[in-house]
Amino acid sequence: PALTRHPVHDPTRGGLSWSIGGRSCPALEGWAAIDDVVKAADGSIAGIVMRFEQRCAGDAGALRGKIRWSTASQPVHLAELPAGLWQPPQQRLPATGNYIYVESDFFDPIGQGEAEVKSSASDSTIFAQGGSDPLTFPILGLGIEARDDRDRWGGRFIMPSGMARLAPGLYGNLRGDVDGRPERGGLSWSGRALNCGNGAGGWYAVDQIAYNGTVVESIELRFEQRCDGVDGSLRGKIRWSAR
């Protein structure tokens, strides 16, 4: 309890410092709770489960988090989706048919602060493709076929290499579709002939998925992507069915 900002904390109590997208607290207070810790034979930490809360000095709101980490390489896949995970505004989404909804923060280089929805009722066609890239990752491609680059959006969602098929849940701590870690999977989303270029990170969440044999027949999926070195992120939701 009673932690202040590392590295100018009271060493008899310990310290805390959490930042996101280059934003941090000049002064803070908070706590950290260790739920579980695993030690290796040499005494080093091999695994840990912990929670924390951080409040910037003078602000009423708090940042809270839970961390599970292990030296063992495991896919980051949570079968139960977190209740507070981003959702798009329901009033913007079509009641029926296929659609892709995207929204972005001002500093996101792809969306540039805009939000839009493309549906099967418009001039665009929502499509899904499966396949394998040269690194043999299972890939689900989702996008829009449009008449010009201004309306063309698309992305690739790569399943962790240790899974037999994509399942509902959260796939997190991801990097791009070619430079990530195969045991985690990856994602890469672009639009308007723009992409992250030097790299990106993020997550995707499968809300629903149905198969016809081994082929994906329908899917609902959300995602968030942040280009390296920028503060803003791009978020989206996709609903697609072959029928």
Protein backbone atom coordinates (compact mmCIF):
# COMPACT_ATOMS: atom_id res chain seq x y z
CA PRO A 1 0.00 0.00 0.00
CA ALA A 2 0.83 3.74 -0.05
CA LEU A 3 3.19 3.61 -3.04
CA THR A 4 4.50 6.75 -4.72
CA ARG A 5 6.18 7.35 -8.07
CA HIS A 6 9.26 5.31 -8.91
CA PRO A 7 12.17 6.21 -8.93
CA VAL A 8 11.62 9.03 -6.40
CA HIS A 9 9.64 6.82 -4.00
CA ASP A 10 10.23 6.04 -0.33
CA PRO A 11 12.51 2.96 -0.50
CA THR A 12 11.07 1.62 2.75
CA ARG A 13 7.63 1.32 1.13
CA GLY A 14 8.38 0.64 -2.54
CA GLY A 15 7.32 2.47 -5.67
CA LEU A 16 5.06 2.31 -8.69
CA SER A 17 5.06 3.88 -12.14
CA TRP A 18 2.75 2.95 -15.00
CA SER A 19 2.56 4.71 -18.37
CA ILE A 20 0.54 4.25 -21.55
CA GLY A 21 1.35 5.68 -24.97
CA GLY A 22 3.99 8.02 -23.56
CA ARG A 23 1.59 9.44 -20.93
CA SER A 24 2.53 9.17 -17.25
CA CYS A 25 1.98 10.86 -13.87
CA PRO A 26 4.52 13.44 -12.63
CA ALA A 27 3.40 12.51 -9.11
CA LEU A 28 1.16 9.67 -7.99
CA GLU A 29 -0.02 7.35 -5.26
CA GLY A 30 -1.24 3.78 -5.46
CA TRP A 31 -0.89 0.16 -4.43
CA ALA A 32 0.23 -3.20 -5.83
CA ALA A 33 -0.99 -6.67 -4.83
CA ILE A 34 0.92 -9.87 -5.57
CA ASP A 35 -1.56 -12.75 -5.98
CA ASP A 36 0.99 -15.39 -7.00
CA VAL A 37 4.70 -15.62 -7.75
CA VAL A 38 6.78 -18.52 -9.11
CA LYS A 39 10.54 -18.69 -8.53
CA ALA A 40 13.02 -20.50 -10.77
CA ALA A 41 15.77 -22.71 -9.32
CA ASP A 42 18.24 -19.81 -9.36
CA GLY A 43 15.84 -17.59 -7.41
CA SER A 44 14.75 -15.43 -10.34
CA ILE A 45 11.06 -14.72 -10.98
CA ALA A 46 9.63 -17.24 -13.47
CA GLY A 47 6.00 -16.20 -13.20
CA ILE A 48 3.81 -13.65 -11.46
CA VAL A 49 0.16 -12.62 -11.11
CA MET A 50 -0.45 -9.14 -9.73
CA ARG A 51 -2.91 -6.24 -9.58
CA PHE A 52 -2.37 -2.52 -9.13
CA GLU A 53 -4.04 0.87 -8.87
CA GLN A 54 -2.46 4.22 -9.69
CA ARG A 55 -3.86 7.72 -9.17
CA CYS A 56 -2.15 10.78 -10.59
CA ALA A 57 -1.80 13.49 -7.95
CA GLY A 58 -4.71 15.93 -8.11
CA ASP A 59 -6.90 13.71 -10.31
CA ALA A 60 -10.07 11.95 -9.16
CA GLY A 61 -9.81 9.02 -11.58
CA ALA A 62 -7.65 5.91 -11.20
CA LEU A 63 -5.88 3.49 -13.52
CA ARG A 64 -6.22 -0.16 -12.51
CA GLY A 65 -4.77 -3.30 -14.01
CA LYS A 66 -4.06 -6.98 -13.64
CA ILE A 67 -0.95 -8.69 -15.02
CA ARG A 68 -0.20 -12.36 -15.57
CA TRP A 69 3.30 -13.12 -16.87
CA SER A 70 5.41 -16.24 -17.23
CA THR A 71 8.70 -17.15 -18.85
CA ALA A 72 6.84 -20.04 -20.51
CA SER A 73 5.65 -19.09 -24.02
CA GLN A 74 1.87 -19.34 -24.05
CA PRO A 75 -0.77 -17.79 -26.30
CA VAL A 76 -2.46 -14.80 -24.66
CA HIS A 77 -6.01 -16.03 -25.15
CA LEU A 78 -8.75 -15.36 -22.61
CA ALA A 79 -11.87 -17.43 -23.21
CA GLU A 80 -13.98 -14.97 -21.19
CA LEU A 81 -13.89 -11.48 -22.68
CA PRO A 82 -13.26 -8.67 -20.16
CA ALA A 83 -16.47 -6.80 -19.38
CA GLY A 84 -14.90 -3.38 -19.99
CA LEU A 85 -13.36 -4.20 -23.36
CA TRP A 86 -14.04 -1.54 -26.01
CA GLN A 87 -17.37 -1.71 -27.82
CA PRO A 88 -18.54 0.56 -30.68
CA PRO A 89 -21.67 2.71 -30.27
CA GLN A 90 -24.59 0.38 -31.00
CA GLN A 91 -26.58 3.12 -32.73
CA ARG A 92 -23.93 3.27 -35.49
CA LEU A 93 -24.08 -0.44 -36.34
CA PRO A 94 -26.40 -1.96 -38.99
CA ALA A 95 -29.06 -4.24 -37.56
CA THR A 96 -28.53 -6.86 -40.28
CA GLY A 97 -25.97 -7.84 -42.88
CA ASN A 98 -22.19 -7.67 -43.02
CA TYR A 99 -20.39 -4.52 -41.89
CA ILE A 100 -17.06 -3.04 -40.87
CA TYR A 101 -17.05 -0.16 -38.38
CA VAL A 102 -13.83 1.73 -37.70
CA GLU A 103 -13.07 4.68 -35.43
CA SER A 104 -9.79 6.36 -34.58
CA ASP A 105 -8.12 8.87 -32.29
CA PHE A 106 -6.86 12.14 -33.73
CA PHE A 107 -3.21 11.10 -33.79
CA ASP A 108 -3.82 7.72 -35.44
CA PRO A 109 -2.11 8.00 -38.86
CA ILE A 110 -4.63 5.73 -40.60
CA GLY A 111 -8.05 6.88 -39.37
CA GLN A 112 -6.91 10.39 -38.41
CA GLY A 113 -9.68 10.92 -35.89
CA GLU A 114 -12.58 9.82 -38.08
CA ALA A 115 -15.24 7.14 -37.64
CA GLU A 116 -17.17 5.39 -40.39
CA VAL A 117 -19.15 2.25 -41.11
CA LYS A 118 -19.28 0.26 -44.32
CA SER A 119 -22.06 -2.28 -44.78
CA SER A 120 -23.21 -4.84 -47.31
CA ALA A 121 -26.03 -2.43 -48.17
CA SER A 122 -23.55 0.14 -49.50
CA ASP A 123 -21.37 0.11 -52.64
CA SER A 124 -18.71 -1.87 -50.78
CA THR A 125 -18.46 -5.64 -50.41
CA ILE A 126 -17.32 -7.08 -47.09
CA PHE A 127 -15.19 -10.17 -47.62
CA ALA A 128 -13.32 -12.84 -45.69
CA GLN A 129 -10.36 -14.91 -46.87
CA GLY A 130 -8.33 -17.69 -45.30
CA GLY A 131 -4.86 -18.90 -46.09
CA SER A 132 -1.28 -19.13 -44.88
CA ASP A 133 1.59 -16.71 -45.21
CA PRO A 134 5.21 -17.82 -45.81
CA LEU A 135 5.66 -18.38 -42.07
CA THR A 136 2.72 -20.86 -42.08
CA PHE A 137 0.59 -18.89 -39.61
CA PRO A 138 -3.16 -19.57 -39.98
CA ILE A 139 -4.65 -16.28 -41.19
CA LEU A 140 -8.13 -14.82 -41.40
CA GLY A 141 -8.29 -11.85 -43.76
CA LEU A 142 -11.22 -9.43 -43.43
CA GLY A 143 -11.76 -6.31 -45.49
CA ILE A 144 -13.73 -4.21 -47.94
CA GLU A 145 -13.64 -4.34 -51.69
CA ALA A 146 -14.21 -0.78 -52.87
CA ARG A 147 -13.93 1.27 -56.03
CA ASP A 148 -11.03 3.41 -54.84
CA ASP A 149 -8.36 3.50 -52.12
CA ARG A 150 -10.29 6.16 -50.17
CA ASP A 151 -12.86 3.53 -49.14
CA ARG A 152 -10.66 0.45 -48.99
CA TRP A 153 -9.98 -1.01 -45.55
CA GLY A 154 -8.62 -4.41 -44.67
CA GLY A 155 -6.63 -6.46 -42.24
CA ARG A 156 -5.21 -9.81 -41.24
CA PHE A 157 -5.86 -11.54 -37.92
CA ILE A 158 -3.39 -14.33 -37.21
CA MET A 159 -4.23 -17.18 -34.88
CA PRO A 160 -1.67 -18.28 -32.25
CA SER A 161 0.38 -21.16 -33.60
CA GLY A 162 -0.51 -23.47 -30.69
CA MET A 163 -4.26 -23.46 -31.45
CA ALA A 164 -6.13 -25.82 -33.77
CA ARG A 165 -8.78 -23.25 -34.74
CA LEU A 166 -9.78 -19.70 -33.89
CA ALA A 167 -12.11 -19.62 -30.88
CA PRO A 168 -14.08 -16.92 -29.00
CA GLY A 169 -11.93 -14.88 -26.63
CA LEU A 170 -9.36 -12.12 -26.38
CA TYR A 171 -6.04 -12.36 -28.23
CA GLY A 172 -3.72 -9.74 -26.75
CA ASN A 173 -0.17 -8.41 -26.60
CA LEU A 174 0.07 -8.73 -30.38
CA ARG A 175 2.51 -7.28 -32.86
CA GLY A 176 2.21 -6.99 -36.65
CA ASP A 177 1.42 -9.90 -38.90
CA VAL A 178 5.01 -10.70 -39.92
CA ASP A 179 7.31 -9.52 -37.11
CA GLY A 180 5.30 -10.80 -34.13
CA ARG A 181 5.64 -13.96 -32.05
CA PRO A 182 3.90 -16.97 -33.66
CA GLU A 183 2.75 -18.35 -30.31
CA ARG A 184 0.76 -15.16 -29.72
CA GLY A 185 -0.58 -14.50 -33.22
CA GLY A 186 -0.76 -11.05 -34.76
CA LEU A 187 -2.82 -8.41 -36.49
CA SER A 188 -2.31 -5.80 -39.19
CA TRP A 189 -4.97 -3.30 -40.30
CA SER A 190 -4.70 -0.66 -42.99
CA GLY A 191 -6.98 1.78 -44.76
CA ARG A 192 -7.00 4.46 -47.43
CA ALA A 193 -3.69 3.09 -48.73
CA LEU A 194 -2.17 3.91 -45.30
CA ASN A 195 -0.60 1.55 -42.75
CA CYS A 196 1.58 1.68 -39.64
CA GLY A 197 4.80 1.28 -41.60
CA ASN A 198 7.40 0.73 -38.88
CA GLY A 199 5.23 -1.52 -36.74
CA ALA A 200 2.12 -1.76 -34.60
CA GLY A 201 0.71 -3.52 -31.57
CA GLY A 202 -2.75 -4.30 -30.28
CA TRP A 203 -5.38 -6.96 -29.71
CA TYR A 204 -8.37 -8.60 -31.31
CA ALA A 205 -11.37 -10.25 -29.69
CA VAL A 206 -13.56 -12.91 -31.29
CA ASP A 207 -17.11 -12.46 -29.98
CA GLN A 208 -18.70 -15.19 -32.10
CA ILE A 209 -17.42 -17.61 -34.72
CA ALA A 210 -19.06 -20.48 -36.60
CA TYR A 211 -17.53 -23.11 -38.88
CA ASN A 212 -18.71 -25.22 -41.78
CA GLY A 213 -16.29 -28.07 -41.39
CA THR A 214 -12.89 -26.36 -41.22
CA VAL A 215 -14.02 -23.21 -43.02
CA VAL A 216 -15.13 -20.07 -41.14
CA GLU A 217 -18.78 -19.48 -42.01
CA SER A 218 -19.43 -16.39 -39.86
CA ILE A 219 -17.59 -14.22 -37.35
CA GLU A 220 -17.99 -11.15 -35.15
CA LEU A 221 -14.68 -9.59 -34.15
CA ARG A 222 -13.36 -6.43 -32.46
CA PHE A 223 -9.83 -5.07 -32.54
CA GLU A 224 -7.55 -2.20 -31.54
CA GLN A 225 -4.27 -1.28 -33.24
CA ARG A 226 -1.73 1.36 -32.23
CA CYS A 227 1.10 2.34 -34.57
CA ASP A 228 4.51 2.50 -32.91
CA GLY A 229 5.52 5.97 -31.73
CA VAL A 230 2.06 7.60 -31.77
CA ASP A 231 -0.51 8.27 -29.04
CA GLY A 232 -3.72 7.50 -30.91
CA SER A 233 -5.17 4.11 -31.80
CA LEU A 234 -7.56 2.65 -34.38
CA ARG A 235 -10.47 0.48 -33.25
CA GLY A 236 -12.96 -1.55 -35.22
CA LYS A 237 -15.72 -4.12 -35.23
CA ILE A 238 -16.52 -6.54 -38.06
CA ARG A 239 -19.54 -8.76 -38.63
CA TRP A 240 -19.31 -11.16 -41.55
CA SER A 241 -21.26 -14.18 -42.73
CA ALA A 242 -20.94 -16.21 -45.91
CA ARG A 243 -24.73 -16.33 -46.19
